[in-house]
PDB file of N, CA and C in Angstrom:
ATOM      1  N   ILE A   1      -1.307   8.743  13.926  1.00  0.00           N
ATOM      2  CA  ILE A   1      -0.855   9.911  13.187  1.00  0.00           C
ATOM      3  C   ILE A   1      -2.090  10.683  12.746  1.00  0.00           C
ATOM      4  N   ILE A   2      -2.155  11.937  13.067  1.00  0.00           N
ATOM      5  CA  ILE A   2      -3.221  12.808  12.600  1.00  0.00           C
ATOM      6  C   ILE A   2      -2.600  13.717  11.553  1.00  0.00           C
ATOM      7  N   THR A   3      -3.151  13.687  10.343  1.00  0.00           N
ATOM      8  CA  THR A   3      -2.534  14.419   9.245  1.00  0.00           C
ATOM      9  C   THR A   3      -3.558  14.736   8.172  1.00  0.00           C
ATOM     10  N   HIS A   4      -3.141  15.453   7.171  1.00  0.00           N
ATOM     11  CA  HIS A   4      -3.992  15.771   6.026  1.00  0.00           C
ATOM     12  C   HIS A   4      -3.945  14.623   5.022  1.00  0.00           C
ATOM     13  N   GLY A   5      -4.915  14.589   4.101  1.00  0.00           N
ATOM     14  CA  GLY A   5      -5.031  13.503   3.135  1.00  0.00           C
ATOM     15  C   GLY A   5      -3.796  13.284   2.290  1.00  0.00           C
ATOM     16  N   LEU A   6      -3.225  14.371   1.759  1.00  0.00           N
ATOM     17  CA  LEU A   6      -2.046  14.232   0.904  1.00  0.00           C
ATOM     18  C   LEU A   6      -0.868  13.667   1.701  1.00  0.00           C
ATOM     19  N   SER A   7      -0.672  14.169   2.916  1.00  0.00           N
ATOM     20  CA  SER A   7       0.430  13.668   3.751  1.00  0.00           C
ATOM     21  C   SER A   7       0.240  12.195   4.077  1.00  0.00           C
ATOM     22  N   LEU A   8      -1.003  11.805   4.341  1.00  0.00           N
ATOM     23  CA  LEU A   8      -1.291  10.393   4.608  1.00  0.00           C
ATOM     24  C   LEU A   8      -0.918   9.541   3.399  1.00  0.00           C
ATOM     25  N   ARG A   9      -1.337   9.969   2.217  1.00  0.00           N
ATOM     26  CA  ARG A   9      -1.045   9.202   1.006  1.00  0.00           C
ATOM     27  C   ARG A   9       0.455   9.150   0.737  1.00  0.00           C
ATOM     28  N   LEU A  10       1.176  10.236   1.015  1.00  0.00           N
ATOM     29  CA  LEU A  10       2.633  10.224   0.829  1.00  0.00           C
ATOM     30  C   LEU A  10       3.302   9.268   1.815  1.00  0.00           C
ATOM     31  N   PHE A  11       2.822   9.241   3.067  1.00  0.00           N
ATOM     32  CA  PHE A  11       3.345   8.290   4.043  1.00  0.00           C
ATOM     33  C   PHE A  11       3.118   6.862   3.560  1.00  0.00           C
ATOM     34  N   LEU A  12       1.890   6.565   3.120  1.00  0.00           N
ATOM     35  CA  LEU A  12       1.582   5.213   2.647  1.00  0.00           C
ATOM     36  C   LEU A  12       2.398   4.864   1.411  1.00  0.00           C
ATOM     37  N   MET A  13       2.634   5.843   0.540  1.00  0.00           N
ATOM     38  CA  MET A  13       3.462   5.611  -0.651  1.00  0.00           C
ATOM     39  C   MET A  13       4.873   5.181  -0.234  1.00  0.00           C
ATOM     40  N   ALA A  14       5.439   5.885   0.741  1.00  0.00           N
ATOM     41  CA  ALA A  14       6.785   5.533   1.206  1.00  0.00           C
ATOM     42  C   ALA A  14       6.788   4.180   1.895  1.00  0.00           C
ATOM     43  N   TRP A  15       5.808   3.924   2.759  1.00  0.00           N
ATOM     44  CA  TRP A  15       5.760   2.679   3.524  1.00  0.00           C
ATOM     45  C   TRP A  15       5.570   1.457   2.624  1.00  0.00           C
ATOM     46  N   PHE A  16       4.617   1.556   1.673  1.00  0.00           N
ATOM     47  CA  PHE A  16       4.304   0.425   0.810  1.00  0.00           C
ATOM     48  C   PHE A  16       5.089   0.439  -0.499  1.00  0.00           C
ATOM     49  N   GLN A  17       5.979   1.405  -0.654  1.00  0.00           N
ATOM     50  CA  GLN A  17       6.850   1.534  -1.827  1.00  0.00           C
ATOM     51  C   GLN A  17       6.046   1.587  -3.124  1.00  0.00           C
ATOM     52  N   TRP A  18       5.011   2.443  -3.143  1.00  0.00           N
ATOM     53  CA  TRP A  18       4.232   2.629  -4.351  1.00  0.00           C
ATOM     54  C   TRP A  18       5.014   3.458  -5.344  1.00  0.00           C
ATOM     55  N   THR A  19       4.805   3.222  -6.610  1.00  0.00           N
ATOM     56  CA  THR A  19       5.372   4.076  -7.651  1.00  0.00           C
ATOM     57  C   THR A  19       4.539   5.350  -7.730  1.00  0.00           C
ATOM     58  N   VAL A  20       5.031   6.338  -8.463  1.00  0.00           N
ATOM     59  CA  VAL A  20       4.270   7.570  -8.649  1.00  0.00           C
ATOM     60  C   VAL A  20       2.937   7.261  -9.328  1.00  0.00           C
ATOM     61  N   GLU A  21       2.971   6.366 -10.309  1.00  0.00           N
ATOM     62  CA  GLU A  21       1.745   5.996 -11.019  1.00  0.00           C
ATOM     63  C   GLU A  21       0.734   5.344 -10.073  1.00  0.00           C
ATOM     64  N   GLU A  22       1.212   4.483  -9.180  1.00  0.00           N
ATOM     65  CA  GLU A  22       0.330   3.844  -8.205  1.00  0.00           C
ATOM     66  C   GLU A  22      -0.238   4.878  -7.233  1.00  0.00           C
ATOM     67  N   PHE A  23       0.629   5.791  -6.773  1.00  0.00           N
ATOM     68  CA  PHE A  23       0.188   6.855  -5.874  1.00  0.00           C
ATOM     69  C   PHE A  23      -0.922   7.686  -6.509  1.00  0.00           C
ATOM     70  N   GLU A  24      -0.762   7.997  -7.781  1.00  0.00           N
ATOM     71  CA  GLU A  24      -1.733   8.843  -8.469  1.00  0.00           C
ATOM     72  C   GLU A  24      -3.087   8.172  -8.661  1.00  0.00           C
ATOM     73  N   THR A  25      -3.164   6.855  -8.477  1.00  0.00           N
ATOM     74  CA  THR A  25      -4.468   6.183  -8.572  1.00  0.00           C
ATOM     75  C   THR A  25      -5.265   6.311  -7.285  1.00  0.00           C
ATOM     76  N   THR A  26      -4.624   6.741  -6.187  1.00  0.00           N
ATOM     77  CA  THR A  26      -5.327   6.886  -4.917  1.00  0.00           C
ATOM     78  C   THR A  26      -5.976   8.253  -4.827  1.00  0.00           C
ATOM     79  N   GLN A  27      -6.895   8.374  -3.870  1.00  0.00           N
ATOM     80  CA  GLN A  27      -7.576   9.654  -3.654  1.00  0.00           C
ATOM     81  C   GLN A  27      -7.503  10.018  -2.181  1.00  0.00           C
ATOM     82  N   ASN A  28      -7.616  11.309  -1.899  1.00  0.00           N
ATOM     83  CA  ASN A  28      -7.597  11.752  -0.515  1.00  0.00           C
ATOM     84  C   ASN A  28      -8.843  11.241   0.215  1.00  0.00           C
ATOM     85  N   PRO A  29      -8.686  10.873   1.477  1.00  0.00           N
ATOM     86  CA  PRO A  29      -9.860  10.458   2.256  1.00  0.00           C
ATOM     87  C   PRO A  29     -10.736  11.667   2.571  1.00  0.00           C
ATOM     88  N   HIS A  30     -11.995  11.406   2.911  1.00  0.00           N
ATOM     89  CA  HIS A  30     -12.888  12.464   3.375  1.00  0.00           C
ATOM     90  C   HIS A  30     -12.388  12.966   4.725  1.00  0.00           C
ATOM     91  N   ASN A  31     -12.920  14.092   5.177  1.00  0.00           N
ATOM     92  CA  ASN A  31     -12.546  14.626   6.490  1.00  0.00           C
ATOM     93  C   ASN A  31     -12.726  13.561   7.563  1.00  0.00           C
ATOM     94  N   CYS A  32     -11.766  13.482   8.446  1.00  0.00           N
ATOM     95  CA  CYS A  32     -11.752  12.540   9.576  1.00  0.00           C
ATOM     96  C   CYS A  32     -11.699  11.078   9.124  1.00  0.00           C
ATOM     97  N   GLY A  33     -11.219  10.833   7.903  1.00  0.00           N
ATOM     98  CA  GLY A  33     -11.051   9.456   7.448  1.00  0.00           C
ATOM     99  C   GLY A  33      -9.950   8.777   8.245  1.00  0.00           C
ATOM    100  N   ILE A  34     -10.147   7.530   8.567  1.00  0.00           N
ATOM    101  CA  ILE A  34      -9.169   6.783   9.362  1.00  0.00           C
ATOM    102  C   ILE A  34      -8.560   5.686   8.496  1.00  0.00           C
ATOM    103  N   ALA A  35      -7.245   5.724   8.348  1.00  0.00           N
ATOM    104  CA  ALA A  35      -6.523   4.689   7.616  1.00  0.00           C
ATOM    105  C   ALA A  35      -5.979   3.688   8.631  1.00  0.00           C
ATOM    106  N   VAL A  36      -6.188   2.409   8.360  1.00  0.00           N
ATOM    107  CA  VAL A  36      -5.776   1.357   9.293  1.00  0.00           C
ATOM    108  C   VAL A  36      -4.767   0.447   8.613  1.00  0.00           C
ATOM    109  N   MET A  37      -3.599   0.323   9.239  1.00  0.00           N
ATOM    110  CA  MET A  37      -2.596  -0.653   8.821  1.00  0.00           C
ATOM    111  C   MET A  37      -2.682  -1.803   9.811  1.00  0.00           C
ATOM    112  N   GLU A  38      -3.096  -2.980   9.325  1.00  0.00           N
ATOM    113  CA  GLU A  38      -3.273  -4.140  10.188  1.00  0.00           C
ATOM    114  C   GLU A  38      -2.020  -5.000  10.174  1.00  0.00           C
ATOM    115  N   ARG A  39      -1.621  -5.466  11.349  1.00  0.00           N
ATOM    116  CA  ARG A  39      -0.518  -6.418  11.398  1.00  0.00           C
ATOM    117  C   ARG A  39      -1.062  -7.799  11.064  1.00  0.00           C
ATOM    118  N   ILE A  40      -0.393  -8.500  10.164  1.00  0.00           N
ATOM    119  CA  ILE A  40      -0.813  -9.836   9.777  1.00  0.00           C
ATOM    120  C   ILE A  40      -0.406 -10.788  10.903  1.00  0.00           C
ATOM    121  N   PRO A  41      -1.368 -11.495  11.502  1.00  0.00           N
ATOM    122  CA  PRO A  41      -1.075 -12.357  12.655  1.00  0.00           C
ATOM    123  C   PRO A  41       0.030 -13.369  12.357  1.00  0.00           C
ATOM    124  N   GLY A  42       0.985 -13.461  13.268  1.00  0.00           N
ATOM    125  CA  GLY A  42       2.060 -14.439  13.157  1.00  0.00           C
ATOM    126  C   GLY A  42       3.144 -14.068  12.159  1.00  0.00           C
ATOM    127  N   GLU A  43       3.053 -12.889  11.565  1.00  0.00           N
ATOM    128  CA  GLU A  43       4.047 -12.467  10.581  1.00  0.00           C
ATOM    129  C   GLU A  43       4.536 -11.071  10.909  1.00  0.00           C
ATOM    130  N   ASP A  44       5.647 -10.710  10.315  1.00  0.00           N
ATOM    131  CA  ASP A  44       6.204  -9.373  10.492  1.00  0.00           C
ATOM    132  C   ASP A  44       5.814  -8.517   9.288  1.00  0.00           C
ATOM    133  N   ARG A  45       4.504  -8.516   8.975  1.00  0.00           N
ATOM    134  CA  ARG A  45       4.006  -7.795   7.813  1.00  0.00           C
ATOM    135  C   ARG A  45       2.764  -7.008   8.186  1.00  0.00           C
ATOM    136  N   TYR A  46       2.519  -5.965   7.414  1.00  0.00           N
ATOM    137  CA  TYR A  46       1.346  -5.121   7.590  1.00  0.00           C
ATOM    138  C   TYR A  46       0.592  -5.037   6.272  1.00  0.00           C
ATOM    139  N   ARG A  47      -0.706  -4.755   6.381  1.00  0.00           N
ATOM    140  CA  ARG A  47      -1.517  -4.539   5.192  1.00  0.00           C
ATOM    141  C   ARG A  47      -2.527  -3.444   5.509  1.00  0.00           C
ATOM    142  N   LEU A  48      -3.016  -2.812   4.452  1.00  0.00           N
ATOM    143  CA  LEU A  48      -4.096  -1.853   4.625  1.00  0.00           C
ATOM    144  C   LEU A  48      -5.396  -2.618   4.812  1.00  0.00           C
ATOM    145  N   SER A  49      -6.244  -2.131   5.696  1.00  0.00           N
ATOM    146  CA  SER A  49      -7.544  -2.774   5.883  1.00  0.00           C
ATOM    147  C   SER A  49      -8.372  -2.596   4.614  1.00  0.00           C
ATOM    148  N   PRO A  50      -9.317  -3.496   4.353  1.00  0.00           N
ATOM    149  CA  PRO A  50     -10.180  -3.349   3.179  1.00  0.00           C
ATOM    150  C   PRO A  50     -10.917  -2.008   3.170  1.00  0.00           C
ATOM    151  N   GLU A  51     -11.340  -1.535   4.336  1.00  0.00           N
ATOM    152  CA  GLU A  51     -12.029  -0.242   4.419  1.00  0.00           C
ATOM    153  C   GLU A  51     -11.107   0.901   4.009  1.00  0.00           C
ATOM    154  N   THR A  52      -9.825   0.812   4.393  1.00  0.00           N
ATOM    155  CA  THR A  52      -8.871   1.845   4.018  1.00  0.00           C
ATOM    156  C   THR A  52      -8.638   1.833   2.514  1.00  0.00           C
ATOM    157  N   CYS A  53      -8.500   0.644   1.936  1.00  0.00           N
ATOM    158  CA  CYS A  53      -8.312   0.551   0.480  1.00  0.00           C
ATOM    159  C   CYS A  53      -9.514   1.138  -0.257  1.00  0.00           C
ATOM    160  N   THR A  54     -10.710   0.873   0.234  1.00  0.00           N
ATOM    161  CA  THR A  54     -11.904   1.440  -0.385  1.00  0.00           C
ATOM    162  C   THR A  54     -11.904   2.958  -0.260  1.00  0.00           C
ATOM    163  N   MET A  55     -11.564   3.457   0.916  1.00  0.00           N
ATOM    164  CA  MET A  55     -11.541   4.899   1.155  1.00  0.00           C
ATOM    165  C   MET A  55     -10.556   5.607   0.229  1.00  0.00           C
ATOM    166  N   LEU A  56      -9.394   4.978   0.002  1.00  0.00           N
ATOM    167  CA  LEU A  56      -8.358   5.579  -0.832  1.00  0.00           C
ATOM    168  C   LEU A  56      -8.526   5.258  -2.309  1.00  0.00           C
ATOM    169  N   GLY A  57      -9.429   4.345  -2.632  1.00  0.00           N
ATOM    170  CA  GLY A  57      -9.651   3.977  -4.021  1.00  0.00           C
ATOM    171  C   GLY A  57      -8.571   3.073  -4.586  1.00  0.00           C
ATOM    172  N   CYS A  58      -7.937   2.282  -3.732  1.00  0.00           N
ATOM    173  CA  CYS A  58      -6.833   1.430  -4.188  1.00  0.00           C
ATOM    174  C   CYS A  58      -7.168  -0.051  -4.118  1.00  0.00           C
ATOM    175  N   ASP A  59      -8.432  -0.390  -4.110  1.00  0.00           N
ATOM    176  CA  ASP A  59      -8.882  -1.771  -3.948  1.00  0.00           C
ATOM    177  C   ASP A  59      -8.152  -2.763  -4.846  1.00  0.00           C
ATOM    178  N   GLY A  60      -7.075  -3.365  -4.340  1.00  0.00           N
ATOM    179  CA  GLY A  60      -6.362  -4.411  -5.052  1.00  0.00           C
ATOM    180  C   GLY A  60      -5.528  -3.942  -6.228  1.00  0.00           C
ATOM    181  N   ALA A  61      -5.548  -2.658  -6.536  1.00  0.00           N
ATOM    182  CA  ALA A  61      -4.839  -2.173  -7.711  1.00  0.00           C
ATOM    183  C   ALA A  61      -3.361  -1.904  -7.437  1.00  0.00           C
ATOM    184  N   ILE A  62      -2.990  -1.752  -6.179  1.00  0.00           N
ATOM    185  CA  ILE A  62      -1.609  -1.467  -5.816  1.00  0.00           C
ATOM    186  C   ILE A  62      -1.221  -2.320  -4.618  1.00  0.00           C
ATOM    187  N   PRO A  63       0.077  -2.531  -4.412  1.00  0.00           N
ATOM    188  CA  PRO A  63       0.507  -3.347  -3.275  1.00  0.00           C
ATOM    189  C   PRO A  63       0.013  -2.745  -1.961  1.00  0.00           C
ATOM    190  N   SER A  64      -0.511  -3.573  -1.098  1.00  0.00           N
ATOM    191  CA  SER A  64      -0.993  -3.087   0.195  1.00  0.00           C
ATOM    192  C   SER A  64      -0.483  -3.938   1.349  1.00  0.00           C
ATOM    193  N   GLU A  65       0.621  -4.672   1.136  1.00  0.00           N
ATOM    194  CA  GLU A  65       1.251  -5.449   2.205  1.00  0.00           C
ATOM    195  C   GLU A  65       2.734  -5.145   2.229  1.00  0.00           C
ATOM    196  N   THR A  66       3.317  -5.089   3.436  1.00  0.00           N
ATOM    197  CA  THR A  66       4.738  -4.828   3.591  1.00  0.00           C
ATOM    198  C   THR A  66       5.307  -5.659   4.720  1.00  0.00           C
ATOM    199  N   THR A  67       6.621  -5.595   4.866  1.00  0.00           N
ATOM    200  CA  THR A  67       7.252  -6.071   6.090  1.00  0.00           C
ATOM    201  C   THR A  67       7.263  -4.890   7.043  1.00  0.00           C
ATOM    202  N   SER A  68       7.657  -5.084   8.282  1.00  0.00           N
ATOM    203  CA  SER A  68       7.610  -3.997   9.262  1.00  0.00           C
ATOM    204  C   SER A  68       8.521  -2.840   8.889  1.00  0.00           C
ATOM    205  N   GLY A  69       9.587  -3.094   8.156  1.00  0.00           N
ATOM    206  CA  GLY A  69      10.492  -2.022   7.786  1.00  0.00           C
ATOM    207  C   GLY A  69      10.064  -1.258   6.563  1.00  0.00           C
ATOM    208  N   GLY A  70       8.913  -1.579   6.019  1.00  0.00           N
ATOM    209  CA  GLY A  70       8.434  -0.882   4.854  1.00  0.00           C
ATOM    210  C   GLY A  70       8.897  -1.512   3.553  1.00  0.00           C
ATOM    211  N   ALA A  71       9.656  -2.599   3.607  1.00  0.00           N
ATOM    212  CA  ALA A  71      10.111  -3.249   2.376  1.00  0.00           C
ATOM    213  C   ALA A  71       8.982  -4.085   1.793  1.00  0.00           C
ATOM    214  N   LEU A  72       8.798  -3.987   0.513  1.00  0.00           N
ATOM    215  CA  LEU A  72       7.694  -4.664  -0.148  1.00  0.00           C
ATOM    216  C   LEU A  72       7.850  -6.172  -0.073  1.00  0.00           C
ATOM    217  N   ARG A  73       6.790  -6.850   0.301  1.00  0.00           N
ATOM    218  CA  ARG A  73       6.748  -8.307   0.339  1.00  0.00           C
ATOM    219  C   ARG A  73       5.873  -8.761  -0.821  1.00  0.00           C
ATOM    220  N   THR A  74       6.314  -9.702  -1.593  1.00  0.00           N
ATOM    221  CA  THR A  74       5.555 -10.094  -2.771  1.00  0.00           C
ATOM    222  C   THR A  74       4.289 -10.854  -2.407  1.00  0.00           C
ATOM    223  N   ASN A  75       3.261 -10.600  -3.173  1.00  0.00           N
ATOM    224  CA  ASN A  75       1.980 -11.301  -3.076  1.00  0.00           C
ATOM    225  C   ASN A  75       1.486 -11.394  -4.519  1.00  0.00           C
ATOM    226  N   ILE A  76       2.188 -12.171  -5.325  1.00  0.00           N
ATOM    227  CA  ILE A  76       2.019 -12.169  -6.766  1.00  0.00           C
ATOM    228  C   ILE A  76       0.592 -12.478  -7.199  1.00  0.00           C
ATOM    229  N   SER A  77      -0.097 -13.359  -6.521  1.00  0.00           N
ATOM    230  CA  SER A  77      -1.431 -13.742  -6.967  1.00  0.00           C
ATOM    231  C   SER A  77      -2.420 -12.583  -6.926  1.00  0.00           C
ATOM    232  N   ALA A  78      -2.164 -11.561  -6.135  1.00  0.00           N
ATOM    233  CA  ALA A  78      -3.102 -10.453  -5.997  1.00  0.00           C
ATOM    234  C   ALA A  78      -2.768  -9.261  -6.879  1.00  0.00           C
ATOM    235  N   TRP A  79      -1.647  -9.286  -7.568  1.00  0.00           N
ATOM    236  CA  TRP A  79      -1.221  -8.114  -8.329  1.00  0.00           C
ATOM    237  C   TRP A  79      -1.645  -8.208  -9.778  1.00  0.00           C
ATOM    238  N   PRO A  80      -1.966  -7.072 -10.391  1.00  0.00           N
ATOM    239  CA  PRO A  80      -2.240  -7.058 -11.831  1.00  0.00           C
ATOM    240  C   PRO A  80      -0.965  -7.359 -12.625  1.00  0.00           C
ATOM    241  N   ASP A  81      -1.135  -7.636 -13.907  1.00  0.00           N
ATOM    242  CA  ASP A  81       0.001  -7.999 -14.760  1.00  0.00           C
ATOM    243  C   ASP A  81       1.112  -6.962 -14.747  1.00  0.00           C
ATOM    244  N   GLN A  82       0.767  -5.667 -14.774  1.00  0.00           N
ATOM    245  CA  GLN A  82       1.819  -4.646 -14.804  1.00  0.00           C
ATOM    246  C   GLN A  82       2.657  -4.678 -13.535  1.00  0.00           C
ATOM    247  N   MET A  83       2.081  -5.084 -12.397  1.00  0.00           N
ATOM    248  CA  MET A  83       2.847  -5.197 -11.175  1.00  0.00           C
ATOM    249  C   MET A  83       3.808  -6.375 -11.250  1.00  0.00           C
ATOM    250  N   LEU A  84       3.389  -7.459 -11.890  1.00  0.00           N
ATOM    251  CA  LEU A  84       4.273  -8.604 -12.069  1.00  0.00           C
ATOM    252  C   LEU A  84       5.488  -8.216 -12.894  1.00  0.00           C
ATOM    253  N   GLU A  85       5.258  -7.444 -13.944  1.00  0.00           N
ATOM    254  CA  GLU A  85       6.369  -7.014 -14.788  1.00  0.00           C
ATOM    255  C   GLU A  85       7.341  -6.148 -14.002  1.00  0.00           C
ATOM    256  N   ARG A  86       6.845  -5.222 -13.195  1.00  0.00           N
ATOM    257  CA  ARG A  86       7.716  -4.366 -12.392  1.00  0.00           C
ATOM    258  C   ARG A  86       8.492  -5.194 -11.382  1.00  0.00           C
ATOM    259  N   GLU A  87       7.831  -6.185 -10.792  1.00  0.00           N
ATOM    260  CA  GLU A  87       8.467  -7.054  -9.804  1.00  0.00           C
ATOM    261  C   GLU A  87       9.642  -7.818 -10.418  1.00  0.00           C
ATOM    262  N   GLU A  88       9.466  -8.286 -11.652  1.00  0.00           N
ATOM    263  CA  GLU A  88      10.528  -9.034 -12.312  1.00  0.00           C
ATOM    264  C   GLU A  88      11.718  -8.144 -12.609  1.00  0.00           C
ATOM    265  N   ARG A  89      11.476  -6.885 -12.949  1.00  0.00           N
ATOM    266  CA  ARG A  89      12.569  -5.950 -13.247  1.00  0.00           C
ATOM    267  C   ARG A  89      13.281  -5.502 -11.976  1.00  0.00           C
ATOM    268  N   ASN A  90      12.528  -5.306 -10.896  1.00  0.00           N
ATOM    269  CA  ASN A  90      13.086  -4.772  -9.643  1.00  0.00           C
ATOM    270  C   ASN A  90      12.611  -5.620  -8.464  1.00  0.00           C
ATOM    271  N   PRO A  91      13.208  -6.781  -8.231  1.00  0.00           N
ATOM    272  CA  PRO A  91      12.746  -7.604  -7.119  1.00  0.00           C
ATOM    273  C   PRO A  91      12.986  -6.905  -5.786  1.00  0.00           C
ATOM    274  N   PRO A  92      12.090  -7.118  -4.800  1.00  0.00           N
ATOM    275  CA  PRO A  92      12.251  -6.488  -3.488  1.00  0.00           C
ATOM    276  C   PRO A  92      13.429  -7.108  -2.752  1.00  0.00           C
ATOM    277  N   PRO A  93      13.995  -6.349  -1.809  1.00  0.00           N
ATOM    278  CA  PRO A  93      15.079  -6.914  -0.995  1.00  0.00           C
ATOM    279  C   PRO A  93      14.555  -8.036  -0.125  1.00  0.00           C
ATOM    280  N   THR A  94      15.397  -9.014   0.165  1.00  0.00           N
ATOM    281  CA  THR A  94      14.979 -10.139   1.005  1.00  0.00           C
ATOM    282  C   THR A  94      15.582 -10.029   2.368  1.00  0.00           C
TER     283      THR A  94
END
């Protein structure tokens, strides 16, 4: 997908099911920035590459793993406390 920074971030927000607050913590990539969604070997899940998280400024602060359909997959050990609270209120579909 070739797109502008805001469109890229909106796509990632929809795919990874980020909240508005989580989306607002990210930043637009520089010109010709490449975002990489890596497939996790042996699983039906995707994650943002570490380089992509650094580029967007989301290093570990927001969920960066999903199932192939875009449904959030829990990774509780990597999330900050506020993410745990949101997860308990709104568990992802199984």
